[in-house]
Amino acid sequence: MAVMDEFREEREALKNAGLKKRISYFLYYYKWHVIIGILVIAGVGSVVYEMVTSKDNAFYAVMLNATELEPAAEFNQAFYDYAGIDLNEYNAFLDASIRISSDTGMADSMTMTSVQKLAVYLAAAELDVMVTDSASIQQYANSSAFYDLRDILSEEQILQYEPYFYYVDMAVVRRIEESQTNLDDTYEPTYADPTKPEDMAEPVPVGLYVDNAGLMESYYFSGEDVVIGVYSNTTHREAALKFIDYLMN
């Protein structure tokens, strides 16, 4: 019997068959069509849902090598209120999940993941500020990652915050970048005290030392000194400057 004739006989038999047999027949011949269809619909629906419900970022702070403590939620919300960030409309993050060991011999999985995450977010211009201890920020500060604060602070803010400036020597920064470009791993930079610009050839303030009780009660940093820097490719400069004022006042 031809396949089409057999198929017609089955269809004729199904006309008088019960509901259970009809369902069984349908699932036998069409279950994969149904499964694939459901997956396609679910996938499209998920993408559409993300497009409709996703919120833009209004602020992203990397709290590098920090441990979030119980009062952090209140501290964070107080900043969002201060900066006028409505979390119903925007996302904002004070992200304490990034941990990078300064010991090159201790490159654990968390450090590797954090380095990759930091690099991807920085390349995508998702980050606005970094807050961390002075030892952890050193390698990032001695690069082109952060703004010269004199370029973004007002004259009044410069006068107010200048005693708290964290300086780097741009002559050293350029030498580091040259060695990286030339794949020269023999160069070992000597860093001057970041609080002593007089000891530098080209001192540039790229960070601020922070002494904020609310911050220290909300986040634990292993180092004694905490520094904030503003990323040079931030897309939320106004929010970053408000965060500086929030921490410094």
Protein backbone atom coordinates (compact mmCIF):
# COMPACT_ATOMS: atom_id res chain seq x y z
CA MET A 1 0.00 0.00 0.00
CA ALA A 2 1.29 3.43 -0.94
CA VAL A 3 2.28 5.71 1.91
CA MET A 4 -0.28 8.37 0.91
CA ASP A 5 -3.06 5.75 0.78
CA GLU A 6 -2.07 4.54 4.25
CA PHE A 7 -2.07 8.12 5.50
CA ARG A 8 -5.58 8.72 4.08
CA GLU A 9 -6.90 5.58 5.79
CA GLU A 10 -5.48 6.71 9.12
CA ARG A 11 -7.09 10.15 8.68
CA GLU A 12 -10.46 8.51 7.88
CA ALA A 13 -10.11 6.26 10.93
CA LEU A 14 -9.37 9.26 13.13
CA LYS A 15 -12.67 10.90 12.20
CA ASN A 16 -14.51 8.31 14.26
CA ALA A 17 -11.78 7.86 16.90
CA GLY A 18 -11.99 9.14 20.45
CA LEU A 19 -10.27 12.27 21.77
CA LYS A 20 -7.51 10.29 23.51
CA LYS A 21 -6.51 8.55 20.28
CA ARG A 22 -6.56 11.81 18.33
CA ILE A 23 -4.25 13.45 20.86
CA SER A 24 -1.95 10.45 20.81
CA TYR A 25 -1.80 10.57 17.00
CA PHE A 26 -1.08 14.31 17.00
CA LEU A 27 1.72 14.02 19.55
CA TYR A 28 3.27 11.10 17.72
CA TYR A 29 3.54 12.92 14.41
CA TYR A 30 3.85 16.56 15.50
CA LYS A 31 5.46 16.63 18.97
CA TRP A 32 8.81 17.93 17.70
CA HIS A 33 7.07 20.64 15.70
CA VAL A 34 5.24 21.67 18.86
CA ILE A 35 8.39 21.59 21.02
CA ILE A 36 10.41 23.63 18.52
CA GLY A 37 7.54 26.07 18.12
CA ILE A 38 7.29 26.56 21.90
CA LEU A 39 11.05 27.13 22.18
CA VAL A 40 11.01 29.67 19.34
CA ILE A 41 8.06 31.52 20.88
CA ALA A 42 9.71 31.47 24.31
CA GLY A 43 12.99 32.76 22.88
CA VAL A 44 11.35 35.57 20.94
CA GLY A 45 9.20 36.41 23.93
CA SER A 46 12.27 36.59 26.18
CA VAL A 47 14.07 38.96 23.80
CA VAL A 48 10.99 41.17 23.44
CA TYR A 49 10.51 41.20 27.23
CA GLU A 50 14.12 42.27 27.77
CA MET A 51 13.78 45.02 25.17
CA VAL A 52 10.57 46.33 26.72
CA THR A 53 11.49 46.03 30.39
CA SER A 54 15.28 46.62 30.43
CA LYS A 55 16.44 49.85 32.04
CA ASP A 56 19.40 52.02 31.14
CA ASN A 57 22.25 52.36 33.61
CA ALA A 58 22.46 55.68 35.43
CA PHE A 59 25.59 54.91 37.46
CA TYR A 60 28.11 52.10 37.97
CA ALA A 61 30.75 52.15 40.71
CA VAL A 62 33.32 49.38 41.01
CA MET A 63 33.98 48.80 44.71
CA LEU A 64 37.18 46.87 44.01
CA ASN A 65 38.26 44.38 46.70
CA ALA A 66 35.53 45.61 49.03
CA THR A 67 33.18 43.59 51.20
CA GLU A 68 29.59 44.80 51.34
CA LEU A 69 28.32 45.14 54.90
CA GLU A 70 24.77 45.32 56.25
CA PRO A 71 24.38 49.14 56.17
CA ALA A 72 25.37 49.25 52.48
CA ALA A 73 21.81 49.18 51.14
CA GLU A 74 20.87 52.28 53.12
CA PHE A 75 24.13 54.01 52.18
CA ASN A 76 23.57 53.25 48.48
CA GLN A 77 19.95 54.39 48.53
CA ALA A 78 20.95 57.64 50.21
CA PHE A 79 23.29 58.31 47.28
CA TYR A 80 20.64 57.47 44.69
CA ASP A 81 18.32 59.93 46.39
CA TYR A 82 21.10 62.54 46.54
CA ALA A 83 21.90 62.08 42.84
CA GLY A 84 18.23 61.99 41.81
CA ILE A 85 18.46 58.44 40.39
CA ASP A 86 15.03 56.80 40.19
CA LEU A 87 15.56 53.04 40.38
CA ASN A 88 12.13 52.48 38.86
CA GLU A 89 13.47 53.97 35.64
CA TYR A 90 17.21 53.29 35.79
CA ASN A 91 19.74 50.77 37.06
CA ALA A 92 22.50 51.84 39.44
CA PHE A 93 25.23 49.71 40.94
CA LEU A 94 27.80 49.88 43.69
CA ASP A 95 29.37 46.57 42.72
CA ALA A 96 31.45 44.84 45.40
CA SER A 97 31.68 41.55 43.50
CA ILE A 98 34.99 42.31 41.75
CA ARG A 99 38.03 40.99 43.61
CA ILE A 100 41.54 41.03 42.17
CA SER A 101 44.51 39.72 44.12
CA SER A 102 47.62 41.93 43.97
CA ASP A 103 49.76 38.82 44.42
CA THR A 104 50.64 37.65 40.90
CA GLY A 105 51.28 34.19 42.28
CA MET A 106 47.72 33.94 43.57
CA ALA A 107 45.77 34.19 40.31
CA ASP A 108 42.74 32.25 41.52
CA SER A 109 39.52 31.79 39.54
CA MET A 110 37.85 34.80 41.19
CA THR A 111 40.76 37.04 40.21
CA MET A 112 40.72 35.78 36.62
CA THR A 113 36.96 36.26 36.34
CA SER A 114 37.15 39.71 37.91
CA VAL A 115 39.95 40.85 35.59
CA GLN A 116 37.91 39.75 32.56
CA LYS A 117 34.73 41.38 33.86
CA LEU A 118 36.53 44.64 34.60
CA ALA A 119 38.16 44.68 31.17
CA VAL A 120 34.89 43.98 29.32
CA TYR A 121 32.89 46.56 31.28
CA LEU A 122 35.63 49.16 30.86
CA ALA A 123 35.84 48.57 27.10
CA ALA A 124 32.06 48.89 26.87
CA ALA A 125 32.17 52.21 28.77
CA GLU A 126 29.83 50.81 31.42
CA LEU A 127 31.92 51.94 34.40
CA ASP A 128 31.89 55.38 35.99
CA VAL A 129 34.09 55.26 39.08
CA MET A 130 36.38 52.93 41.00
CA VAL A 131 36.54 52.95 44.79
CA THR A 132 39.21 50.83 46.45
CA ASP A 133 42.19 50.88 48.78
CA SER A 134 45.27 52.84 47.72
CA ALA A 135 47.37 49.71 47.10
CA SER A 136 44.76 48.14 44.79
CA ILE A 137 44.22 51.28 42.73
CA GLN A 138 47.91 51.86 42.02
CA GLN A 139 48.21 49.83 38.82
CA TYR A 140 44.96 51.23 37.42
CA ALA A 141 45.81 54.80 38.38
CA ASN A 142 49.17 54.56 36.62
CA SER A 143 47.49 54.23 33.23
CA SER A 144 45.11 56.28 31.13
CA ALA A 145 42.08 54.79 32.87
CA PHE A 146 41.12 57.82 34.98
CA TYR A 147 40.40 61.48 34.41
CA ASP A 148 42.75 64.25 35.41
CA LEU A 149 40.39 65.59 38.07
CA ARG A 150 41.30 69.17 37.21
CA ASP A 151 39.54 68.63 33.87
CA ILE A 152 36.17 67.74 35.41
CA LEU A 153 36.01 69.41 38.82
CA SER A 154 34.91 73.01 39.19
CA GLU A 155 37.38 75.60 40.51
CA GLU A 156 35.54 75.54 43.81
CA GLN A 157 35.77 71.74 44.02
CA ILE A 158 39.48 71.81 43.16
CA LEU A 159 40.16 74.23 46.00
CA GLN A 160 38.07 72.13 48.35
CA TYR A 161 39.43 68.71 47.38
CA GLU A 162 43.05 69.48 46.48
CA PRO A 163 44.37 68.40 49.94
CA TYR A 164 42.92 64.92 49.20
CA PHE A 165 44.34 64.48 45.68
CA TYR A 166 45.92 61.15 44.72
CA TYR A 167 48.67 61.90 42.19
CA VAL A 168 50.45 59.86 39.54
CA ASP A 169 53.50 60.82 37.52
CA MET A 170 52.50 60.96 33.86
CA ALA A 171 56.12 60.51 32.84
CA VAL A 172 56.01 57.10 34.52
CA VAL A 173 52.60 56.34 33.00
CA ARG A 174 53.89 56.99 29.49
CA ARG A 175 56.95 54.82 30.14
CA ILE A 176 54.67 51.97 31.32
CA GLU A 177 52.48 52.27 28.23
CA GLU A 178 55.53 52.32 25.94
CA SER A 179 56.86 49.13 27.52
CA GLN A 180 53.48 47.45 27.09
CA THR A 181 53.29 48.51 23.44
CA ASN A 182 56.80 47.19 22.80
CA LEU A 183 56.16 44.02 24.82
CA ASP A 184 59.05 44.99 27.07
CA ASP A 185 58.66 43.14 30.35
CA THR A 186 62.00 44.31 31.73
CA TYR A 187 60.79 47.75 32.77
CA GLU A 188 59.93 47.99 36.47
CA PRO A 189 58.37 51.35 37.32
CA THR A 190 59.21 53.21 40.48
CA TYR A 191 56.18 54.91 41.94
CA ALA A 192 56.50 58.11 43.94
CA ASP A 193 54.34 58.72 46.99
CA PRO A 194 50.90 59.65 45.54
CA THR A 195 50.53 62.38 48.16
CA LYS A 196 53.78 64.11 47.14
CA PRO A 197 53.47 65.69 43.69
CA GLU A 198 56.68 67.62 44.34
CA ASP A 199 58.58 64.35 43.90
CA MET A 200 57.11 63.75 40.43
CA ALA A 201 58.16 65.01 37.00
CA GLU A 202 54.57 65.47 35.77
CA PRO A 203 52.13 65.14 38.68
CA VAL A 204 48.46 64.61 37.73
CA PRO A 205 45.62 64.13 40.24
CA VAL A 206 43.62 61.08 39.15
CA GLY A 207 41.99 60.20 42.45
CA LEU A 208 40.81 61.42 45.81
CA TYR A 209 41.49 60.01 49.25
CA VAL A 210 38.12 59.41 50.92
CA ASP A 211 37.45 59.71 54.63
CA ASN A 212 33.74 58.96 54.90
CA ALA A 213 32.33 57.24 57.99
CA GLY A 214 29.21 56.05 56.15
CA LEU A 215 31.32 54.40 53.45
CA MET A 216 33.53 52.64 56.00
CA GLU A 217 30.48 51.38 57.88
CA SER A 218 28.95 50.06 54.66
CA TYR A 219 31.98 48.54 52.92
CA TYR A 220 35.10 46.92 54.31
CA PHE A 221 38.39 47.68 52.54
CA SER A 222 41.53 45.81 53.53
CA GLY A 223 43.79 48.86 53.11
CA GLU A 224 43.89 51.82 55.46
CA ASP A 225 43.37 54.43 52.74
CA VAL A 226 40.43 54.45 50.31
CA VAL A 227 40.66 56.23 46.95
CA ILE A 228 38.07 57.12 44.30
CA GLY A 229 38.86 57.69 40.62
CA VAL A 230 36.58 58.65 37.72
CA TYR A 231 36.96 56.57 34.56
CA SER A 232 38.04 58.65 31.58
CA ASN A 233 35.39 57.03 29.34
CA THR A 234 32.47 57.39 31.75
CA THR A 235 29.14 58.15 30.11
CA HIS A 236 27.63 59.42 33.37
CA ARG A 237 30.07 62.13 34.38
CA GLU A 238 27.48 64.18 36.25
CA ALA A 239 26.51 61.19 38.40
CA ALA A 240 30.20 60.43 39.02
CA LEU A 241 30.81 63.99 40.21
CA LYS A 242 27.77 63.78 42.48
CA PHE A 243 29.18 60.57 43.93
CA ILE A 244 32.44 62.39 44.69
CA ASP A 245 30.53 65.15 46.46
CA TYR A 246 28.49 62.55 48.31
CA LEU A 247 31.63 60.82 49.58
CA MET A 248 33.66 63.95 50.28
CA ASN A 249 30.93 65.88 52.09
